């Protein structure tokens, strides 16, 4: 029988149930959630929501948004629904156990204003595939690749809708090609560095379903100081 942990984040806290040994959310999800500023009434899709961490943060920070978390793995989808109820956010968060690639406009009733995703980041045929199935699906493009995700986002978003992703920085050129091929234009880009003098490990990209938008390069996000201690920006990720 799968065992779970009950972890807390922020103050006042969110309580998050997640698998003890299976796929657990990472700092990437906290970084991504911190970038979003939805407008009142916005409809948000959290694609590949896992245990629901991004949905929970958005729902707690922005009380008047409507969030649909979509998760392929049944156990994780069930946990995401439990987490929404546990934190009294099930009035604004709905969880759908579905492959994002099969989602239709009827499933969401109204085109989304924002789609957010921390997608699988390793190509299917590269690197060691984790023997844990949940971790493998979350990390490798086994059931969902970036091209499929971006195309589906274009289909589900309204005109001027926003797609916000965190992705490996070395794959930025590939991501930009996918975005432009599906009618998106980058609105802003922000590089995430683990160390001040090290290369960017991740890149945050906000793209808009629009032909005419200028792109801003936001200041980089540094997570750790040279001595290995967390930066002030890192600490801010854990604050409301």
C-alpha atoms as a PDB file:
ATOM      1  CA  UNK A   1       0.000   0.000   0.000  1.00  0.00           C
ATOM      2  CA  UNK A   2       1.365   3.401  -0.991  1.00  0.00           C
ATOM      3  CA  UNK A   3       2.460   5.581   1.919  1.00  0.00           C
ATOM      4  CA  UNK A   4       2.111   9.350   1.965  1.00  0.00           C
ATOM      5  CA  UNK A   5       3.578  12.296   3.802  1.00  0.00           C
ATOM      6  CA  UNK A   6       1.740  15.407   4.929  1.00  0.00           C
ATOM      7  CA  UNK A   7       4.046  18.358   4.294  1.00  0.00           C
ATOM      8  CA  UNK A   8       3.444  22.023   5.031  1.00  0.00           C
ATOM      9  CA  UNK A   9       4.472  25.128   3.144  1.00  0.00           C
ATOM     10  CA  UNK A  10       4.053  28.834   3.929  1.00  0.00           C
ATOM     11  CA  UNK A  11       2.568  30.553   6.971  1.00  0.00           C
ATOM     12  CA  UNK A  12      -0.355  30.187   7.398  1.00  0.00           C
ATOM     13  CA  UNK A  13       0.391  26.743   6.012  1.00  0.00           C
ATOM     14  CA  UNK A  14      -0.795  24.717   3.081  1.00  0.00           C
ATOM     15  CA  UNK A  15      -0.921  21.015   3.892  1.00  0.00           C
ATOM     16  CA  UNK A  16       0.172  18.859   0.980  1.00  0.00           C
ATOM     17  CA  UNK A  17      -0.186  15.102   0.848  1.00  0.00           C
ATOM     18  CA  UNK A  18       2.215  13.423  -1.559  1.00  0.00           C
ATOM     19  CA  UNK A  19       3.746   9.981  -2.070  1.00  0.00           C
ATOM     20  CA  UNK A  20       6.467   9.121   0.424  1.00  0.00           C
ATOM     21  CA  UNK A  21       8.643   7.364  -2.153  1.00  0.00           C
ATOM     22  CA  UNK A  22       7.010   8.137  -5.516  1.00  0.00           C
ATOM     23  CA  UNK A  23       6.989  11.391  -7.481  1.00  0.00           C
ATOM     24  CA  UNK A  24       7.159  14.435  -5.211  1.00  0.00           C
ATOM     25  CA  UNK A  25       6.966  18.065  -6.245  1.00  0.00           C
ATOM     26  CA  UNK A  26      10.217  19.977  -6.633  1.00  0.00           C
ATOM     27  CA  UNK A  27      11.385  23.555  -6.224  1.00  0.00           C
ATOM     28  CA  UNK A  28      10.586  24.062  -9.915  1.00  0.00           C
ATOM     29  CA  UNK A  29       6.866  24.093  -9.105  1.00  0.00           C
ATOM     30  CA  UNK A  30       7.302  26.750  -6.413  1.00  0.00           C
ATOM     31  CA  UNK A  31       9.393  28.882  -8.766  1.00  0.00           C
ATOM     32  CA  UNK A  32       6.787  28.641 -11.508  1.00  0.00           C
ATOM     33  CA  UNK A  33       3.805  29.383  -9.263  1.00  0.00           C
ATOM     34  CA  UNK A  34       5.537  32.513  -7.959  1.00  0.00           C
ATOM     35  CA  UNK A  35       5.675  34.038 -11.451  1.00  0.00           C
ATOM     36  CA  UNK A  36       1.943  34.059 -12.108  1.00  0.00           C
ATOM     37  CA  UNK A  37      -0.359  36.992 -11.471  1.00  0.00           C
ATOM     38  CA  UNK A  38      -3.796  35.992 -12.771  1.00  0.00           C
ATOM     39  CA  UNK A  39      -6.549  38.557 -13.034  1.00  0.00           C
ATOM     40  CA  UNK A  40      -9.775  38.219 -11.032  1.00  0.00           C
ATOM     41  CA  UNK A  41     -12.027  35.649 -12.647  1.00  0.00           C
ATOM     42  CA  UNK A  42      -9.305  34.094 -14.798  1.00  0.00           C
ATOM     43  CA  UNK A  43      -9.645  30.448 -15.746  1.00  0.00           C
ATOM     44  CA  UNK A  44      -6.377  28.568 -15.241  1.00  0.00           C
ATOM     45  CA  UNK A  45      -5.396  25.083 -16.391  1.00  0.00           C
ATOM     46  CA  UNK A  46      -2.579  23.380 -14.474  1.00  0.00           C
ATOM     47  CA  UNK A  47      -1.373  20.807 -17.023  1.00  0.00           C
ATOM     48  CA  UNK A  48       0.180  17.760 -15.398  1.00  0.00           C
ATOM     49  CA  UNK A  49      -0.686  18.991 -11.913  1.00  0.00           C
ATOM     50  CA  UNK A  50       0.739  16.048  -9.948  1.00  0.00           C
ATOM     51  CA  UNK A  51      -0.389  16.304  -6.327  1.00  0.00           C
ATOM     52  CA  UNK A  52      -1.751  19.772  -7.140  1.00  0.00           C
ATOM     53  CA  UNK A  53       1.009  21.956  -5.712  1.00  0.00           C
ATOM     54  CA  UNK A  54       0.799  24.762  -8.304  1.00  0.00           C
ATOM     55  CA  UNK A  55      -3.012  24.735  -8.231  1.00  0.00           C
ATOM     56  CA  UNK A  56      -2.970  24.957  -4.428  1.00  0.00           C
ATOM     57  CA  UNK A  57      -0.574  27.898  -4.363  1.00  0.00           C
ATOM     58  CA  UNK A  58      -2.513  29.799  -7.014  1.00  0.00           C
ATOM     59  CA  UNK A  59      -5.839  29.034  -5.350  1.00  0.00           C
ATOM     60  CA  UNK A  60      -4.584  30.211  -1.958  1.00  0.00           C
ATOM     61  CA  UNK A  61      -2.936  33.377  -3.290  1.00  0.00           C
ATOM     62  CA  UNK A  62      -5.673  34.364  -5.733  1.00  0.00           C
ATOM     63  CA  UNK A  63      -9.078  33.622  -4.235  1.00  0.00           C
ATOM     64  CA  UNK A  64     -11.108  34.636  -7.274  1.00  0.00           C
ATOM     65  CA  UNK A  65      -9.580  32.413  -9.982  1.00  0.00           C
ATOM     66  CA  UNK A  66     -10.988  29.147 -11.319  1.00  0.00           C
ATOM     67  CA  UNK A  67      -8.435  26.355 -11.622  1.00  0.00           C
ATOM     68  CA  UNK A  68      -8.587  23.045 -13.455  1.00  0.00           C
ATOM     69  CA  UNK A  69      -5.782  20.641 -12.571  1.00  0.00           C
ATOM     70  CA  UNK A  70      -5.270  17.924 -15.173  1.00  0.00           C
ATOM     71  CA  UNK A  71      -3.316  14.812 -14.170  1.00  0.00           C
ATOM     72  CA  UNK A  72      -2.863  11.550 -16.077  1.00  0.00           C
ATOM     73  CA  UNK A  73      -1.856   9.374 -13.108  1.00  0.00           C
ATOM     74  CA  UNK A  74      -4.915   8.331 -11.137  1.00  0.00           C
ATOM     75  CA  UNK A  75      -3.206   8.166  -7.742  1.00  0.00           C
ATOM     76  CA  UNK A  76      -1.774  11.661  -8.108  1.00  0.00           C
ATOM     77  CA  UNK A  77      -5.085  13.054  -9.372  1.00  0.00           C
ATOM     78  CA  UNK A  78      -6.815  11.599  -6.325  1.00  0.00           C
ATOM     79  CA  UNK A  79      -4.195  13.181  -4.056  1.00  0.00           C
ATOM     80  CA  UNK A  80      -4.616  16.536  -5.797  1.00  0.00           C
ATOM     81  CA  UNK A  81      -8.355  16.436  -5.123  1.00  0.00           C
ATOM     82  CA  UNK A  82      -7.702  15.471  -1.500  1.00  0.00           C
ATOM     83  CA  UNK A  83      -5.249  18.347  -1.139  1.00  0.00           C
ATOM     84  CA  UNK A  84      -7.761  20.829  -2.535  1.00  0.00           C
ATOM     85  CA  UNK A  85     -10.363  19.656  -0.021  1.00  0.00           C
ATOM     86  CA  UNK A  86      -7.872  19.547   2.860  1.00  0.00           C
ATOM     87  CA  UNK A  87      -6.958  23.195   2.265  1.00  0.00           C
ATOM     88  CA  UNK A  88     -10.582  24.266   1.668  1.00  0.00           C
ATOM     89  CA  UNK A  89      -9.858  25.194  -1.929  1.00  0.00           C
ATOM     90  CA  UNK A  90     -12.121  22.662  -3.644  1.00  0.00           C
ATOM     91  CA  UNK A  91     -14.597  25.450  -4.384  1.00  0.00           C
ATOM     92  CA  UNK A  92     -12.098  26.972  -6.827  1.00  0.00           C
ATOM     93  CA  UNK A  93      -9.971  23.947  -7.836  1.00  0.00           C
ATOM     94  CA  UNK A  94     -11.305  21.053  -9.894  1.00  0.00           C
ATOM     95  CA  UNK A  95      -9.127  18.037 -10.684  1.00  0.00           C
ATOM     96  CA  UNK A  96      -9.535  15.995 -13.846  1.00  0.00           C
ATOM     97  CA  UNK A  97      -7.870  12.583 -14.205  1.00  0.00           C
ATOM     98  CA  UNK A  98      -7.086  12.804 -17.903  1.00  0.00           C
ATOM     99  CA  UNK A  99      -4.290  12.863 -20.440  1.00  0.00           C
ATOM    100  CA  UNK A 100      -3.831  16.550 -21.283  1.00  0.00           C
ATOM    101  CA  UNK A 101      -3.353  15.540 -24.914  1.00  0.00           C
ATOM    102  CA  UNK A 102      -6.932  14.224 -25.083  1.00  0.00           C
ATOM    103  CA  UNK A 103      -8.563  17.236 -23.443  1.00  0.00           C
ATOM    104  CA  UNK A 104     -11.364  18.851 -25.463  1.00  0.00           C
ATOM    105  CA  UNK A 105     -13.020  22.258 -25.278  1.00  0.00           C
ATOM    106  CA  UNK A 106     -16.116  20.521 -23.913  1.00  0.00           C
ATOM    107  CA  UNK A 107     -14.059  19.313 -20.938  1.00  0.00           C
ATOM    108  CA  UNK A 108     -13.252  22.885 -19.926  1.00  0.00           C
ATOM    109  CA  UNK A 109     -16.515  24.574 -21.026  1.00  0.00           C
ATOM    110  CA  UNK A 110     -14.752  27.930 -21.572  1.00  0.00           C
ATOM    111  CA  UNK A 111     -11.327  28.575 -23.165  1.00  0.00           C
ATOM    112  CA  UNK A 112      -8.641  29.151 -20.560  1.00  0.00           C
ATOM    113  CA  UNK A 113      -6.982  32.482 -19.839  1.00  0.00           C
ATOM    114  CA  UNK A 114      -3.781  30.869 -18.521  1.00  0.00           C
ATOM    115  CA  UNK A 115      -2.191  27.452 -18.875  1.00  0.00           C
ATOM    116  CA  UNK A 116       0.672  26.672 -16.530  1.00  0.00           C
ATOM    117  CA  UNK A 117       2.863  23.582 -16.608  1.00  0.00           C
ATOM    118  CA  UNK A 118       6.017  22.073 -15.168  1.00  0.00           C
ATOM    119  CA  UNK A 119       6.225  19.454 -17.926  1.00  0.00           C
ATOM    120  CA  UNK A 120       8.477  16.397 -18.295  1.00  0.00           C
ATOM    121  CA  UNK A 121      11.880  17.824 -19.102  1.00  0.00           C
ATOM    122  CA  UNK A 122      13.956  14.894 -20.364  1.00  0.00           C
ATOM    123  CA  UNK A 123      13.620  13.587 -23.903  1.00  0.00           C
ATOM    124  CA  UNK A 124      12.274  10.057 -24.088  1.00  0.00           C
ATOM    125  CA  UNK A 125      15.465   8.455 -25.402  1.00  0.00           C
ATOM    126  CA  UNK A 126      17.935  10.373 -23.225  1.00  0.00           C
ATOM    127  CA  UNK A 127      19.309   9.630 -19.773  1.00  0.00           C
ATOM    128  CA  UNK A 128      18.404   6.926 -17.299  1.00  0.00           C
ATOM    129  CA  UNK A 129      14.671   6.327 -16.974  1.00  0.00           C
ATOM    130  CA  UNK A 130      13.674   6.050 -13.323  1.00  0.00           C
ATOM    131  CA  UNK A 131      12.317   2.578 -12.436  1.00  0.00           C
ATOM    132  CA  UNK A 132       9.539   4.274 -10.471  1.00  0.00           C
ATOM    133  CA  UNK A 133       6.762   4.701 -13.037  1.00  0.00           C
ATOM    134  CA  UNK A 134       5.399   7.906 -11.515  1.00  0.00           C
ATOM    135  CA  UNK A 135       8.813   9.556 -11.498  1.00  0.00           C
ATOM    136  CA  UNK A 136       9.541   8.355 -15.031  1.00  0.00           C
ATOM    137  CA  UNK A 137       6.310   9.854 -16.413  1.00  0.00           C
ATOM    138  CA  UNK A 138       6.914  13.155 -14.624  1.00  0.00           C
ATOM    139  CA  UNK A 139      10.516  13.522 -15.768  1.00  0.00           C
ATOM    140  CA  UNK A 140      10.686  11.921 -19.219  1.00  0.00           C
ATOM    141  CA  UNK A 141       8.621  12.733 -22.302  1.00  0.00           C
ATOM    142  CA  UNK A 142       6.979   9.305 -22.313  1.00  0.00           C
ATOM    143  CA  UNK A 143       3.303  10.239 -22.558  1.00  0.00           C
ATOM    144  CA  UNK A 144       3.686  13.999 -23.076  1.00  0.00           C
ATOM    145  CA  UNK A 145       6.330  15.918 -25.004  1.00  0.00           C
ATOM    146  CA  UNK A 146       6.759  19.655 -25.272  1.00  0.00           C
ATOM    147  CA  UNK A 147       5.414  19.832 -28.838  1.00  0.00           C
ATOM    148  CA  UNK A 148       2.167  18.096 -27.854  1.00  0.00           C
ATOM    149  CA  UNK A 149       1.759  20.269 -24.770  1.00  0.00           C
ATOM    150  CA  UNK A 150       2.241  23.533 -26.654  1.00  0.00           C
ATOM    151  CA  UNK A 151      -0.129  22.510 -29.451  1.00  0.00           C
ATOM    152  CA  UNK A 152      -2.802  21.513 -26.965  1.00  0.00           C
ATOM    153  CA  UNK A 153      -2.329  24.771 -25.060  1.00  0.00           C
ATOM    154  CA  UNK A 154      -2.909  26.726 -28.261  1.00  0.00           C
ATOM    155  CA  UNK A 155      -6.129  24.775 -28.779  1.00  0.00           C
ATOM    156  CA  UNK A 156      -7.431  25.315 -25.231  1.00  0.00           C
ATOM    157  CA  UNK A 157      -6.456  28.959 -24.699  1.00  0.00           C
ATOM    158  CA  UNK A 158      -8.525  31.943 -25.726  1.00  0.00           C
ATOM    159  CA  UNK A 159      -6.931  34.583 -28.014  1.00  0.00           C
ATOM    160  CA  UNK A 160      -4.323  36.545 -26.029  1.00  0.00           C
ATOM    161  CA  UNK A 161      -4.178  33.630 -23.579  1.00  0.00           C
ATOM    162  CA  UNK A 162      -0.957  32.990 -21.646  1.00  0.00           C
ATOM    163  CA  UNK A 163       1.141  29.831 -21.468  1.00  0.00           C
ATOM    164  CA  UNK A 164       3.694  29.807 -18.646  1.00  0.00           C
ATOM    165  CA  UNK A 165       6.323  27.058 -18.374  1.00  0.00           C
ATOM    166  CA  UNK A 166       9.521  26.120 -16.567  1.00  0.00           C
ATOM    167  CA  UNK A 167      11.918  24.106 -18.717  1.00  0.00           C
ATOM    168  CA  UNK A 168      15.591  23.134 -18.944  1.00  0.00           C
ATOM    169  CA  UNK A 169      17.544  26.209 -20.069  1.00  0.00           C
ATOM    170  CA  UNK A 170      19.628  24.232 -22.626  1.00  0.00           C
ATOM    171  CA  UNK A 171      16.363  23.374 -24.439  1.00  0.00           C
ATOM    172  CA  UNK A 172      15.196  27.001 -24.791  1.00  0.00           C
ATOM    173  CA  UNK A 173      15.754  27.109 -28.551  1.00  0.00           C
ATOM    174  CA  UNK A 174      13.649  23.985 -29.015  1.00  0.00           C
ATOM    175  CA  UNK A 175      10.925  25.436 -26.795  1.00  0.00           C
ATOM    176  CA  UNK A 176      10.876  28.709 -28.723  1.00  0.00           C
ATOM    177  CA  UNK A 177      10.506  26.827 -31.994  1.00  0.00           C
ATOM    178  CA  UNK A 178       7.556  24.842 -30.592  1.00  0.00           C
ATOM    179  CA  UNK A 179       5.896  28.008 -29.317  1.00  0.00           C
ATOM    180  CA  UNK A 180       6.220  29.930 -32.570  1.00  0.00           C
ATOM    181  CA  UNK A 181       5.043  26.914 -34.584  1.00  0.00           C
ATOM    182  CA  UNK A 182       1.786  26.939 -32.576  1.00  0.00           C
ATOM    183  CA  UNK A 183       1.089  30.664 -32.797  1.00  0.00           C
ATOM    184  CA  UNK A 184       2.695  31.798 -29.529  1.00  0.00           C
ATOM    185  CA  UNK A 185       5.097  34.657 -29.007  1.00  0.00           C
ATOM    186  CA  UNK A 186       7.296  34.903 -25.902  1.00  0.00           C
ATOM    187  CA  UNK A 187       6.129  37.710 -23.614  1.00  0.00           C
ATOM    188  CA  UNK A 188       8.921  37.384 -21.067  1.00  0.00           C
ATOM    189  CA  UNK A 189      11.809  35.051 -20.321  1.00  0.00           C
ATOM    190  CA  UNK A 190      13.623  34.575 -17.005  1.00  0.00           C
ATOM    191  CA  UNK A 191      16.666  32.376 -16.428  1.00  0.00           C
ATOM    192  CA  UNK A 192      17.042  30.416 -13.185  1.00  0.00           C
ATOM    193  CA  UNK A 193      20.558  29.821 -11.842  1.00  0.00           C
ATOM    194  CA  UNK A 194      21.437  27.474  -9.025  1.00  0.00           C
ATOM    195  CA  UNK A 195      24.646  29.456  -8.338  1.00  0.00           C
ATOM    196  CA  UNK A 196      25.516  33.097  -9.194  1.00  0.00           C
ATOM    197  CA  UNK A 197      28.431  32.174 -11.480  1.00  0.00           C
ATOM    198  CA  UNK A 198      26.976  28.965 -12.859  1.00  0.00           C
ATOM    199  CA  UNK A 199      25.000  28.508 -16.071  1.00  0.00           C
ATOM    200  CA  UNK A 200      21.229  28.718 -16.035  1.00  0.00           C
ATOM    201  CA  UNK A 201      19.679  25.377 -15.144  1.00  0.00           C
ATOM    202  CA  UNK A 202      16.070  26.306 -15.870  1.00  0.00           C
ATOM    203  CA  UNK A 203      14.262  28.934 -17.878  1.00  0.00           C
ATOM    204  CA  UNK A 204      10.851  30.442 -17.200  1.00  0.00           C
ATOM    205  CA  UNK A 205       8.904  31.417 -20.294  1.00  0.00           C
ATOM    206  CA  UNK A 206       5.599  33.226 -20.561  1.00  0.00           C
ATOM    207  CA  UNK A 207       4.173  33.116 -24.078  1.00  0.00           C
ATOM    208  CA  UNK A 208       1.050  34.744 -25.438  1.00  0.00           C
ATOM    209  CA  UNK A 209      -1.265  33.449 -28.139  1.00  0.00           C
ATOM    210  CA  UNK A 210      -0.764  36.566 -30.216  1.00  0.00           C
ATOM    211  CA  UNK A 211       1.174  37.737 -33.287  1.00  0.00           C
ATOM    212  CA  UNK A 212       2.205  41.144 -31.970  1.00  0.00           C
ATOM    213  CA  UNK A 213       3.994  41.127 -28.616  1.00  0.00           C
ATOM    214  CA  UNK A 214       7.453  42.230 -27.534  1.00  0.00           C
ATOM    215  CA  UNK A 215       9.625  40.011 -25.361  1.00  0.00           C
ATOM    216  CA  UNK A 216      11.227  41.151 -22.106  1.00  0.00           C
ATOM    217  CA  UNK A 217      14.183  39.410 -20.481  1.00  0.00           C
ATOM    218  CA  UNK A 218      13.493  39.555 -16.755  1.00  0.00           C
ATOM    219  CA  UNK A 219      16.290  39.679 -14.154  1.00  0.00           C
ATOM    220  CA  UNK A 220      17.744  36.236 -13.465  1.00  0.00           C
ATOM    221  CA  UNK A 221      16.674  34.260 -10.433  1.00  0.00           C
ATOM    222  CA  UNK A 222      19.538  32.965  -8.278  1.00  0.00           C
ATOM    223  CA  UNK A 223      18.661  30.199  -5.813  1.00  0.00           C
ATOM    224  CA  UNK A 224      21.856  29.763  -3.799  1.00  0.00           C
ATOM    225  CA  UNK A 225      24.699  32.012  -2.686  1.00  0.00           C
ATOM    226  CA  UNK A 226      28.332  31.065  -3.394  1.00  0.00           C
ATOM    227  CA  UNK A 227      28.556  29.459   0.068  1.00  0.00           C
ATOM    228  CA  UNK A 228      25.548  27.239  -0.654  1.00  0.00           C
ATOM    229  CA  UNK A 229      23.027  29.087   1.516  1.00  0.00           C
ATOM    230  CA  UNK A 230      19.638  29.988   0.012  1.00  0.00           C
ATOM    231  CA  UNK A 231      19.316  33.467  -1.469  1.00  0.00           C
ATOM    232  CA  UNK A 232      16.694  36.025  -0.470  1.00  0.00           C
ATOM    233  CA  UNK A 233      14.839  35.221  -3.700  1.00  0.00           C
ATOM    234  CA  UNK A 234      14.825  31.566  -2.679  1.00  0.00           C
ATOM    235  CA  UNK A 235      13.299  32.417   0.708  1.00  0.00           C
ATOM    236  CA  UNK A 236      10.657  34.566  -0.968  1.00  0.00           C
ATOM    237  CA  UNK A 237       9.401  31.504  -2.853  1.00  0.00           C
ATOM    238  CA  UNK A 238       8.221  30.146   0.511  1.00  0.00           C
ATOM    239  CA  UNK A 239       6.381  33.285   1.564  1.00  0.00           C
ATOM    240  CA  UNK A 240       2.895  34.462   0.730  1.00  0.00           C
END
